[in-house]
Amino acid sequence: MSESSFQDDVLHELDDDRLTEIAGLLGTDTNGARDTVAQTVGALTGDLQQKAGADDDDGAEVRQAFAEVAEPPLQGVATLGGGLGGMLGGGMMAGVLAKVSKPVANAVSKKTGVPAPTIARVIELLIPVLLAVFAKRAAAGKATGTPAPGTSSPGAAPATPDGGGLGDLLGQILGGGKK
């Protein structure tokens, strides 16, 4: 799991229809869309990591959103992510992603030359995919970090608002290598 970057996981989770839609928005082919998605996801995760480390209300909100993602009340079919399954566990995280989308869209726009409103629309299309990848990475972290067969609740301990094991959780979900 640590071999693939967060961007790789998002691109892998992205279905062909959504990638084609993003390519159409950007006026490019699917390879161009992949490049823009990778840059956008990199900027988003960097912004989230920076905010999560802040000792203010935004930082607390981001940390709480990651704690929520790490302990979603999902069972059965809903845990399979994507679309509705990803959205069910991402209420607060969806709001955090929406909040950071404008500054991220502006930053990516400056790098790529693509208008910021277009990048903002790409981010809107990516939010369900991001939520699904967050949930999968959090679940994988619990699975590898807590070898308790049958239950996933013992993995709840790292998701503390005071940041105890939350730094590890953020690194697990977002990937530690990108800043």
N, C-alpha and C. Protein backbone atom coordinates (compact mmCIF):
# COMPACT_ATOMS: atom_id res chain seq x y z
N MET A 1 0.82 -1.21 0.00
CA MET A 1 0.00 0.00 0.00
C MET A 1 0.85 1.25 0.00
N SER A 2 1.96 1.24 0.73
CA SER A 2 2.79 2.44 0.81
C SER A 2 3.49 2.73 -0.51
N GLU A 3 3.54 1.76 -1.41
CA GLU A 3 4.19 1.95 -2.70
C GLU A 3 3.43 2.95 -3.57
N SER A 4 2.10 2.95 -3.51
CA SER A 4 1.36 3.85 -4.37
C SER A 4 1.10 5.17 -3.65
N SER A 5 1.24 6.25 -4.41
CA SER A 5 0.99 7.57 -3.84
C SER A 5 -0.51 7.81 -3.76
N PHE A 6 -0.86 8.83 -3.01
CA PHE A 6 -2.26 9.20 -2.90
C PHE A 6 -2.81 9.55 -4.29
N GLN A 7 -2.02 10.30 -5.08
CA GLN A 7 -2.45 10.66 -6.43
C GLN A 7 -2.71 9.41 -7.27
N ASP A 8 -1.81 8.40 -7.16
CA ASP A 8 -2.00 7.15 -7.91
C ASP A 8 -3.31 6.48 -7.50
N ASP A 9 -3.57 6.46 -6.19
CA ASP A 9 -4.80 5.83 -5.71
C ASP A 9 -6.04 6.54 -6.24
N VAL A 10 -6.00 7.88 -6.27
CA VAL A 10 -7.13 8.65 -6.78
C VAL A 10 -7.31 8.37 -8.27
N LEU A 11 -6.22 8.37 -9.03
CA LEU A 11 -6.32 8.10 -10.46
C LEU A 11 -6.84 6.68 -10.71
N HIS A 12 -6.43 5.75 -9.88
CA HIS A 12 -6.90 4.37 -10.02
C HIS A 12 -8.40 4.27 -9.71
N GLU A 13 -8.85 5.02 -8.72
CA GLU A 13 -10.26 5.00 -8.29
C GLU A 13 -11.16 5.72 -9.30
N LEU A 14 -10.58 6.65 -10.04
CA LEU A 14 -11.34 7.46 -11.00
C LEU A 14 -11.82 6.58 -12.14
N ASP A 15 -13.13 6.55 -12.37
CA ASP A 15 -13.62 5.72 -13.47
C ASP A 15 -13.43 6.44 -14.81
N ASP A 16 -13.50 5.67 -15.89
CA ASP A 16 -13.24 6.22 -17.22
C ASP A 16 -14.23 7.33 -17.59
N ASP A 17 -15.49 7.17 -17.20
CA ASP A 17 -16.49 8.19 -17.52
C ASP A 17 -16.15 9.52 -16.86
N ARG A 18 -15.77 9.48 -15.58
CA ARG A 18 -15.44 10.71 -14.88
C ARG A 18 -14.17 11.33 -15.45
N LEU A 19 -13.18 10.49 -15.79
CA LEU A 19 -11.94 10.99 -16.39
C LEU A 19 -12.23 11.64 -17.74
N THR A 20 -13.10 11.03 -18.52
CA THR A 20 -13.48 11.60 -19.82
C THR A 20 -14.21 12.92 -19.62
N GLU A 21 -15.07 12.99 -18.61
CA GLU A 21 -15.78 14.24 -18.31
C GLU A 21 -14.78 15.34 -17.92
N ILE A 22 -13.79 14.99 -17.11
CA ILE A 22 -12.77 15.96 -16.70
C ILE A 22 -11.96 16.41 -17.92
N ALA A 23 -11.61 15.46 -18.78
CA ALA A 23 -10.87 15.81 -20.01
C ALA A 23 -11.67 16.79 -20.85
N GLY A 24 -12.99 16.55 -20.96
CA GLY A 24 -13.86 17.45 -21.71
C GLY A 24 -13.89 18.85 -21.11
N LEU A 25 -13.97 18.92 -19.79
CA LEU A 25 -13.96 20.23 -19.11
C LEU A 25 -12.67 20.99 -19.40
N LEU A 26 -11.57 20.23 -19.38
CA LEU A 26 -10.25 20.85 -19.56
C LEU A 26 -9.90 21.08 -21.02
N GLY A 27 -10.66 20.49 -21.93
CA GLY A 27 -10.36 20.62 -23.35
C GLY A 27 -9.08 19.87 -23.72
N THR A 28 -8.90 18.69 -23.14
CA THR A 28 -7.69 17.91 -23.37
C THR A 28 -8.06 16.44 -23.52
N ASP A 29 -7.05 15.59 -23.66
CA ASP A 29 -7.30 14.16 -23.70
C ASP A 29 -7.20 13.58 -22.29
N THR A 30 -7.40 12.26 -22.15
CA THR A 30 -7.39 11.67 -20.82
C THR A 30 -6.02 11.75 -20.16
N ASN A 31 -4.94 11.73 -20.96
CA ASN A 31 -3.61 11.89 -20.35
C ASN A 31 -3.43 13.28 -19.76
N GLY A 32 -3.92 14.30 -20.46
CA GLY A 32 -3.87 15.66 -19.93
C GLY A 32 -4.73 15.79 -18.68
N ALA A 33 -5.89 15.11 -18.71
CA ALA A 33 -6.77 15.12 -17.54
C ALA A 33 -6.09 14.46 -16.35
N ARG A 34 -5.41 13.33 -16.59
CA ARG A 34 -4.68 12.64 -15.51
C ARG A 34 -3.62 13.56 -14.90
N ASP A 35 -2.88 14.27 -15.75
CA ASP A 35 -1.84 15.18 -15.25
C ASP A 35 -2.45 16.28 -14.38
N THR A 36 -3.55 16.86 -14.85
CA THR A 36 -4.20 17.94 -14.09
C THR A 36 -4.78 17.40 -12.79
N VAL A 37 -5.38 16.21 -12.84
CA VAL A 37 -5.92 15.59 -11.62
C VAL A 37 -4.78 15.36 -10.62
N ALA A 38 -3.65 14.83 -11.10
CA ALA A 38 -2.52 14.57 -10.20
C ALA A 38 -2.03 15.86 -9.55
N GLN A 39 -1.91 16.93 -10.35
CA GLN A 39 -1.49 18.22 -9.78
C GLN A 39 -2.51 18.75 -8.78
N THR A 40 -3.78 18.63 -9.11
CA THR A 40 -4.84 19.13 -8.24
C THR A 40 -4.87 18.35 -6.93
N VAL A 41 -4.77 17.02 -7.03
CA VAL A 41 -4.78 16.18 -5.83
C VAL A 41 -3.55 16.48 -4.97
N GLY A 42 -2.41 16.67 -5.61
CA GLY A 42 -1.20 17.02 -4.86
C GLY A 42 -1.37 18.33 -4.10
N ALA A 43 -1.96 19.33 -4.77
CA ALA A 43 -2.19 20.61 -4.11
C ALA A 43 -3.21 20.48 -2.98
N LEU A 44 -4.26 19.70 -3.20
CA LEU A 44 -5.27 19.49 -2.17
C LEU A 44 -4.68 18.82 -0.94
N THR A 45 -3.93 17.74 -1.15
CA THR A 45 -3.38 17.02 0.00
C THR A 45 -2.35 17.88 0.73
N GLY A 46 -1.57 18.64 -0.01
CA GLY A 46 -0.61 19.54 0.64
C GLY A 46 -1.32 20.57 1.50
N ASP A 47 -2.41 21.13 0.97
CA ASP A 47 -3.18 22.13 1.71
C ASP A 47 -3.82 21.51 2.95
N LEU A 48 -4.36 20.30 2.80
CA LEU A 48 -4.97 19.61 3.94
C LEU A 48 -3.93 19.31 5.02
N GLN A 49 -2.75 18.85 4.61
CA GLN A 49 -1.70 18.55 5.59
C GLN A 49 -1.28 19.83 6.33
N GLN A 50 -1.15 20.92 5.58
CA GLN A 50 -0.77 22.19 6.20
C GLN A 50 -1.84 22.65 7.19
N LYS A 51 -3.11 22.60 6.77
CA LYS A 51 -4.19 23.01 7.66
C LYS A 51 -4.30 22.11 8.88
N ALA A 52 -4.11 20.79 8.68
CA ALA A 52 -4.21 19.85 9.80
C ALA A 52 -3.16 20.15 10.86
N GLY A 53 -2.03 20.68 10.45
CA GLY A 53 -0.96 21.00 11.40
C GLY A 53 -1.15 22.34 12.10
N ALA A 54 -2.10 23.14 11.63
CA ALA A 54 -2.31 24.47 12.21
C ALA A 54 -3.02 24.34 13.55
N ASP A 55 -2.65 25.23 14.46
CA ASP A 55 -3.27 25.22 15.79
C ASP A 55 -4.37 26.29 15.85
N ASP A 56 -5.36 26.14 14.98
CA ASP A 56 -6.47 27.08 14.95
C ASP A 56 -7.76 26.32 14.62
N ASP A 57 -8.85 27.06 14.40
CA ASP A 57 -10.14 26.41 14.14
C ASP A 57 -10.11 25.59 12.86
N ASP A 58 -9.44 26.10 11.80
CA ASP A 58 -9.35 25.34 10.55
C ASP A 58 -8.61 24.03 10.78
N GLY A 59 -7.52 24.08 11.53
CA GLY A 59 -6.75 22.88 11.83
C GLY A 59 -7.58 21.87 12.60
N ALA A 60 -8.31 22.35 13.58
CA ALA A 60 -9.17 21.47 14.37
C ALA A 60 -10.24 20.83 13.49
N GLU A 61 -10.80 21.62 12.58
CA GLU A 61 -11.84 21.09 11.69
C GLU A 61 -11.28 20.01 10.76
N VAL A 62 -10.10 20.24 10.20
CA VAL A 62 -9.48 19.26 9.32
C VAL A 62 -9.15 17.98 10.09
N ARG A 63 -8.59 18.13 11.29
CA ARG A 63 -8.26 16.95 12.10
C ARG A 63 -9.52 16.17 12.47
N GLN A 64 -10.58 16.88 12.80
CA GLN A 64 -11.83 16.21 13.14
C GLN A 64 -12.41 15.49 11.92
N ALA A 65 -12.30 16.11 10.76
CA ALA A 65 -12.80 15.48 9.53
C ALA A 65 -12.03 14.19 9.24
N PHE A 66 -10.71 14.21 9.45
CA PHE A 66 -9.92 12.99 9.23
C PHE A 66 -10.27 11.93 10.27
N ALA A 67 -10.53 12.36 11.49
CA ALA A 67 -10.93 11.41 12.52
C ALA A 67 -12.25 10.75 12.13
N GLU A 68 -13.17 11.55 11.56
CA GLU A 68 -14.46 11.02 11.12
C GLU A 68 -14.27 10.02 9.98
N VAL A 69 -13.40 10.36 9.02
CA VAL A 69 -13.14 9.46 7.90
C VAL A 69 -12.52 8.15 8.39
N ALA A 70 -11.67 8.26 9.40
CA ALA A 70 -10.97 7.08 9.90
C ALA A 70 -11.90 6.14 10.66
N GLU A 71 -13.03 6.65 11.10
CA GLU A 71 -13.95 5.83 11.87
C GLU A 71 -15.36 5.94 11.32
N PRO A 72 -15.51 5.71 9.99
CA PRO A 72 -16.85 5.84 9.43
C PRO A 72 -17.76 4.73 9.92
N PRO A 73 -19.02 5.04 10.14
CA PRO A 73 -19.96 4.01 10.59
C PRO A 73 -20.47 3.19 9.42
N LEU A 74 -19.57 2.79 8.52
CA LEU A 74 -19.98 2.07 7.33
C LEU A 74 -19.89 0.58 7.54
N GLN A 75 -20.87 -0.11 7.07
CA GLN A 75 -20.92 -1.56 7.16
C GLN A 75 -21.33 -2.11 5.80
N GLY A 76 -20.94 -3.32 5.51
CA GLY A 76 -21.41 -4.02 4.31
C GLY A 76 -21.10 -3.28 3.02
N VAL A 77 -22.12 -3.13 2.18
CA VAL A 77 -21.96 -2.57 0.85
C VAL A 77 -21.38 -1.16 0.89
N ALA A 78 -21.77 -0.38 1.87
CA ALA A 78 -21.30 1.01 1.93
C ALA A 78 -19.79 1.10 2.07
N THR A 79 -19.13 0.10 2.59
CA THR A 79 -17.69 0.16 2.76
C THR A 79 -16.94 -0.02 1.46
N LEU A 80 -17.64 -0.37 0.40
CA LEU A 80 -16.96 -0.60 -0.86
C LEU A 80 -16.63 0.67 -1.61
N GLY A 81 -16.94 1.82 -1.03
CA GLY A 81 -16.47 3.10 -1.54
C GLY A 81 -17.04 3.48 -2.89
N GLY A 82 -16.52 4.60 -3.40
CA GLY A 82 -17.00 5.12 -4.67
C GLY A 82 -18.40 5.66 -4.52
N GLY A 83 -18.73 6.68 -5.25
CA GLY A 83 -20.08 7.22 -5.26
C GLY A 83 -20.70 7.37 -3.89
N LEU A 84 -21.87 6.82 -3.71
CA LEU A 84 -22.62 6.97 -2.47
C LEU A 84 -21.88 6.38 -1.28
N GLY A 85 -21.24 5.23 -1.46
CA GLY A 85 -20.51 4.61 -0.35
C GLY A 85 -19.44 5.54 0.19
N GLY A 86 -18.72 6.23 -0.70
CA GLY A 86 -17.69 7.17 -0.27
C GLY A 86 -18.30 8.39 0.40
N MET A 87 -19.46 8.83 -0.10
CA MET A 87 -20.09 10.02 0.45
C MET A 87 -20.66 9.79 1.84
N LEU A 88 -21.10 8.59 2.14
CA LEU A 88 -21.73 8.33 3.43
C LEU A 88 -20.79 8.61 4.59
N GLY A 89 -19.52 8.29 4.45
CA GLY A 89 -18.57 8.50 5.53
C GLY A 89 -17.86 9.83 5.43
N GLY A 90 -18.22 10.68 4.49
CA GLY A 90 -17.43 11.87 4.25
C GLY A 90 -18.14 13.17 4.49
N GLY A 91 -19.16 13.19 5.32
CA GLY A 91 -19.92 14.42 5.52
C GLY A 91 -19.06 15.61 5.86
N MET A 92 -18.32 15.54 6.94
CA MET A 92 -17.49 16.66 7.35
C MET A 92 -16.31 16.84 6.40
N MET A 93 -15.71 15.74 5.95
CA MET A 93 -14.59 15.84 5.04
C MET A 93 -15.01 16.47 3.72
N ALA A 94 -16.21 16.15 3.24
CA ALA A 94 -16.70 16.76 2.01
C ALA A 94 -16.76 18.29 2.17
N GLY A 95 -17.19 18.74 3.34
CA GLY A 95 -17.23 20.17 3.61
C GLY A 95 -15.85 20.79 3.66
N VAL A 96 -14.91 20.09 4.27
CA VAL A 96 -13.52 20.58 4.34
C VAL A 96 -12.94 20.67 2.93
N LEU A 97 -13.17 19.64 2.11
CA LEU A 97 -12.66 19.66 0.74
C LEU A 97 -13.28 20.80 -0.06
N ALA A 98 -14.57 21.02 0.13
CA ALA A 98 -15.23 22.12 -0.57
C ALA A 98 -14.63 23.47 -0.14
N LYS A 99 -14.31 23.58 1.14
CA LYS A 99 -13.75 24.83 1.67
C LYS A 99 -12.36 25.12 1.09
N VAL A 100 -11.54 24.09 0.93
CA VAL A 100 -10.18 24.33 0.42
C VAL A 100 -10.13 24.35 -1.11
N SER A 101 -11.25 24.04 -1.76
CA SER A 101 -11.23 23.93 -3.22
C SER A 101 -10.90 25.25 -3.92
N LYS A 102 -11.39 26.37 -3.40
CA LYS A 102 -11.14 27.64 -4.11
C LYS A 102 -9.66 28.03 -4.09
N PRO A 103 -9.00 28.05 -2.91
CA PRO A 103 -7.57 28.39 -2.95
C PRO A 103 -6.75 27.37 -3.74
N VAL A 104 -7.12 26.10 -3.67
CA VAL A 104 -6.40 25.08 -4.44
C VAL A 104 -6.63 25.30 -5.93
N ALA A 105 -7.87 25.60 -6.32
CA ALA A 105 -8.17 25.87 -7.73
C ALA A 105 -7.35 27.05 -8.25
N ASN A 106 -7.24 28.09 -7.42
CA ASN A 106 -6.43 29.24 -7.83
C ASN A 106 -4.96 28.87 -8.00
N ALA A 107 -4.43 28.09 -7.07
CA ALA A 107 -3.02 27.69 -7.14
C ALA A 107 -2.76 26.81 -8.36
N VAL A 108 -3.63 25.83 -8.60
CA VAL A 108 -3.45 24.94 -9.75
C VAL A 108 -3.63 25.72 -11.05
N SER A 109 -4.55 26.67 -11.06
CA SER A 109 -4.77 27.50 -12.23
C SER A 109 -3.50 28.27 -12.60
N LYS A 110 -2.83 28.81 -11.60
CA LYS A 110 -1.59 29.56 -11.85
C LYS A 110 -0.52 28.64 -12.45
N LYS A 111 -0.45 27.39 -11.98
CA LYS A 111 0.56 26.45 -12.48
C LYS A 111 0.24 25.94 -13.88
N THR A 112 -1.05 25.71 -14.15
CA THR A 112 -1.44 25.04 -15.39
C THR A 112 -1.96 25.97 -16.47
N GLY A 113 -2.40 27.16 -16.09
CA GLY A 113 -3.01 28.07 -17.06
C GLY A 113 -4.48 27.77 -17.30
N VAL A 114 -5.00 26.73 -16.67
CA VAL A 114 -6.42 26.39 -16.80
C VAL A 114 -7.20 27.35 -15.88
N PRO A 115 -8.30 27.92 -16.35
CA PRO A 115 -9.05 28.86 -15.51
C PRO A 115 -9.47 28.23 -14.18
N ALA A 116 -9.38 29.02 -13.11
CA ALA A 116 -9.71 28.55 -11.76
C ALA A 116 -11.12 27.97 -11.66
N PRO A 117 -12.14 28.57 -12.29
CA PRO A 117 -13.48 27.97 -12.19
C PRO A 117 -13.53 26.56 -12.79
N THR A 118 -12.73 26.31 -13.82
CA THR A 118 -12.68 24.98 -14.42
C THR A 118 -12.03 23.99 -13.45
N ILE A 119 -10.94 24.40 -12.81
CA ILE A 119 -10.27 23.54 -11.83
C ILE A 119 -11.22 23.29 -10.65
N ALA A 120 -11.98 24.32 -10.24
CA ALA A 120 -12.93 24.15 -9.15
C ALA A 120 -13.97 23.09 -9.51
N ARG A 121 -14.41 23.07 -10.76
CA ARG A 121 -15.39 22.06 -11.21
C ARG A 121 -14.74 20.67 -11.20
N VAL A 122 -13.46 20.59 -11.59
CA VAL A 122 -12.74 19.32 -11.54
C VAL A 122 -12.69 18.82 -10.10
N ILE A 123 -12.42 19.73 -9.16
CA ILE A 123 -12.36 19.35 -7.75
C ILE A 123 -13.72 18.82 -7.30
N GLU A 124 -14.81 19.48 -7.73
CA GLU A 124 -16.15 18.99 -7.38
C GLU A 124 -16.35 17.55 -7.86
N LEU A 125 -15.87 17.25 -9.05
CA LEU A 125 -16.00 15.89 -9.59
C LEU A 125 -15.10 14.91 -8.83
N LEU A 126 -14.00 15.41 -8.27
CA LEU A 126 -13.05 14.54 -7.57
C LEU A 126 -13.45 14.26 -6.12
N ILE A 127 -14.28 15.11 -5.51
CA ILE A 127 -14.58 14.97 -4.08
C ILE A 127 -15.09 13.56 -3.73
N PRO A 128 -16.06 12.98 -4.45
CA PRO A 128 -16.49 11.62 -4.08
C PRO A 128 -15.35 10.60 -4.21
N VAL A 129 -14.49 10.79 -5.19
CA VAL A 129 -13.35 9.89 -5.39
C VAL A 129 -12.36 10.04 -4.25
N LEU A 130 -12.08 11.29 -3.87
CA LEU A 130 -11.17 11.55 -2.75
C LEU A 130 -11.71 10.92 -1.47
N LEU A 131 -13.00 11.07 -1.23
CA LEU A 131 -13.61 10.49 -0.02
C LEU A 131 -13.47 8.97 -0.02
N ALA A 132 -13.67 8.35 -1.17
CA ALA A 132 -13.54 6.90 -1.26
C ALA A 132 -12.10 6.46 -0.97
N VAL A 133 -11.13 7.20 -1.51
CA VAL A 133 -9.71 6.85 -1.28
C VAL A 133 -9.35 7.10 0.18
N PHE A 134 -9.80 8.21 0.77
CA PHE A 134 -9.55 8.45 2.20
C PHE A 134 -10.06 7.29 3.03
N ALA A 135 -11.31 6.87 2.76
CA ALA A 135 -11.92 5.80 3.54
C ALA A 135 -11.17 4.48 3.36
N LYS A 136 -10.78 4.18 2.12
CA LYS A 136 -10.04 2.94 1.86
C LYS A 136 -8.69 2.94 2.56
N ARG A 137 -7.99 4.09 2.50
CA ARG A 137 -6.68 4.16 3.14
C ARG A 137 -6.81 4.06 4.66
N ALA A 138 -7.84 4.70 5.21
CA ALA A 138 -8.05 4.62 6.66
C ALA A 138 -8.38 3.18 7.06
N ALA A 139 -9.22 2.51 6.28
CA ALA A 139 -9.58 1.13 6.57
C ALA A 139 -8.37 0.21 6.43
N ALA A 140 -7.55 0.45 5.43
CA ALA A 140 -6.34 -0.37 5.24
C ALA A 140 -5.38 -0.16 6.41
N GLY A 141 -5.30 1.06 6.91
CA GLY A 141 -4.44 1.35 8.06
C GLY A 141 -4.91 0.60 9.29
N LYS A 142 -6.23 0.55 9.47
CA LYS A 142 -6.78 -0.20 10.60
C LYS A 142 -6.50 -1.68 10.42
N ALA A 143 -6.66 -2.15 9.18
CA ALA A 143 -6.48 -3.58 8.93
C ALA A 143 -5.04 -4.00 9.19
N THR A 144 -4.08 -3.16 8.79
CA THR A 144 -2.68 -3.54 8.99
C THR A 144 -2.19 -3.17 10.38
N GLY A 145 -2.76 -2.11 10.96
CA GLY A 145 -2.30 -1.67 12.28
C GLY A 145 -2.96 -2.40 13.42
N THR A 146 -4.11 -2.99 13.17
CA THR A 146 -4.85 -3.67 14.23
C THR A 146 -5.27 -5.05 13.72
N PRO A 147 -4.46 -6.05 13.97
CA PRO A 147 -4.79 -7.37 13.43
C PRO A 147 -5.85 -8.10 14.26
N ALA A 148 -6.93 -7.40 14.57
CA ALA A 148 -8.02 -8.03 15.33
C ALA A 148 -9.02 -8.60 14.35
N PRO A 149 -9.06 -9.92 14.20
CA PRO A 149 -10.01 -10.48 13.25
C PRO A 149 -11.45 -10.28 13.72
N GLY A 150 -12.29 -9.89 12.79
CA GLY A 150 -13.71 -9.80 13.11
C GLY A 150 -14.22 -8.42 13.46
N THR A 151 -13.39 -7.55 14.07
CA THR A 151 -13.89 -6.23 14.42
C THR A 151 -12.93 -5.18 13.94
N SER A 152 -13.46 -3.98 13.68
CA SER A 152 -12.60 -2.88 13.29
C SER A 152 -12.57 -1.80 14.35
N SER A 153 -13.37 -1.94 15.41
CA SER A 153 -13.44 -0.88 16.41
C SER A 153 -12.15 -0.66 17.20
N PRO A 154 -11.28 -1.65 17.41
CA PRO A 154 -10.05 -1.34 18.14
C PRO A 154 -9.16 -0.31 17.44
N GLY A 155 -9.35 -0.12 16.14
CA GLY A 155 -8.55 0.85 15.40
C GLY A 155 -8.99 2.28 15.64
N ALA A 156 -10.00 2.51 16.47
CA ALA A 156 -10.52 3.85 16.67
C ALA A 156 -9.58 4.74 17.47
N ALA A 157 -8.70 4.18 18.25
CA ALA A 157 -7.85 4.96 19.14
C ALA A 157 -7.01 6.04 18.47
N PRO A 158 -6.42 5.82 17.27
CA PRO A 158 -5.58 6.86 16.70
C PRO A 158 -6.32 8.13 16.35
N ALA A 159 -7.61 8.08 16.17
CA ALA A 159 -8.35 9.23 15.70
C ALA A 159 -8.75 10.14 16.85
N THR A 160 -7.77 10.65 17.55
CA THR A 160 -8.06 11.53 18.67
C THR A 160 -7.89 12.98 18.24
N PRO A 161 -8.80 13.86 18.64
CA PRO A 161 -8.72 15.26 18.24
C PRO A 161 -7.45 15.95 18.74
N ASP A 162 -6.82 15.46 19.81
CA ASP A 162 -5.63 16.13 20.32
C ASP A 162 -4.39 15.82 19.49
N GLY A 163 -4.53 14.97 18.46
CA GLY A 163 -3.44 14.73 17.54
C GLY A 163 -2.49 13.63 17.97
N GLY A 164 -2.78 12.90 19.04
CA GLY A 164 -1.91 11.83 19.50
C GLY A 164 -1.42 10.96 18.37
N GLY A 165 -2.25 10.06 17.87
CA GLY A 165 -1.89 9.22 16.75
C GLY A 165 -2.44 9.74 15.44
N LEU A 166 -3.01 10.93 15.47
CA LEU A 166 -3.64 11.47 14.28
C LEU A 166 -2.62 11.83 13.22
N GLY A 167 -1.42 12.23 13.63
CA GLY A 167 -0.37 12.52 12.65
C GLY A 167 -0.06 11.29 11.82
N ASP A 168 -0.01 10.14 12.49
CA ASP A 168 0.22 8.89 11.78
C ASP A 168 -0.94 8.61 10.83
N LEU A 169 -2.16 8.86 11.30
CA LEU A 169 -3.34 8.64 10.49
C LEU A 169 -3.31 9.53 9.24
N LEU A 170 -2.97 10.82 9.43
CA LEU A 170 -2.90 11.73 8.29
C LEU A 170 -1.84 11.26 7.30
N GLY A 171 -0.70 10.82 7.82
CA GLY A 171 0.36 10.32 6.96
C GLY A 171 -0.11 9.09 6.20
N GLN A 172 -0.83 8.23 6.88
CA GLN A 172 -1.36 7.01 6.25
C GLN A 172 -2.35 7.34 5.15
N ILE A 173 -3.26 8.28 5.42
CA ILE A 173 -4.32 8.58 4.46
C ILE A 173 -3.79 9.42 3.32
N LEU A 174 -3.04 10.48 3.63
CA LEU A 174 -2.58 11.37 2.59
C LEU A 174 -1.25 10.96 1.98
N GLY A 175 -0.49 10.13 2.69
CA GLY A 175 0.84 9.80 2.21
C GLY A 175 1.81 10.81 2.75
N GLY A 176 2.85 10.37 3.36
CA GLY A 176 3.77 11.28 4.05
C GLY A 176 4.71 12.03 3.14
N GLY A 177 4.93 11.59 1.91
CA GLY A 177 5.99 12.16 1.10
C GLY A 177 5.69 13.50 0.46
N LYS A 178 4.46 13.88 0.31
CA LYS A 178 4.11 15.11 -0.43
C LYS A 178 3.91 16.27 0.54
N LYS A 179 4.42 17.42 0.16
CA LYS A 179 4.18 18.64 0.95
C LYS A 179 3.69 19.74 0.06
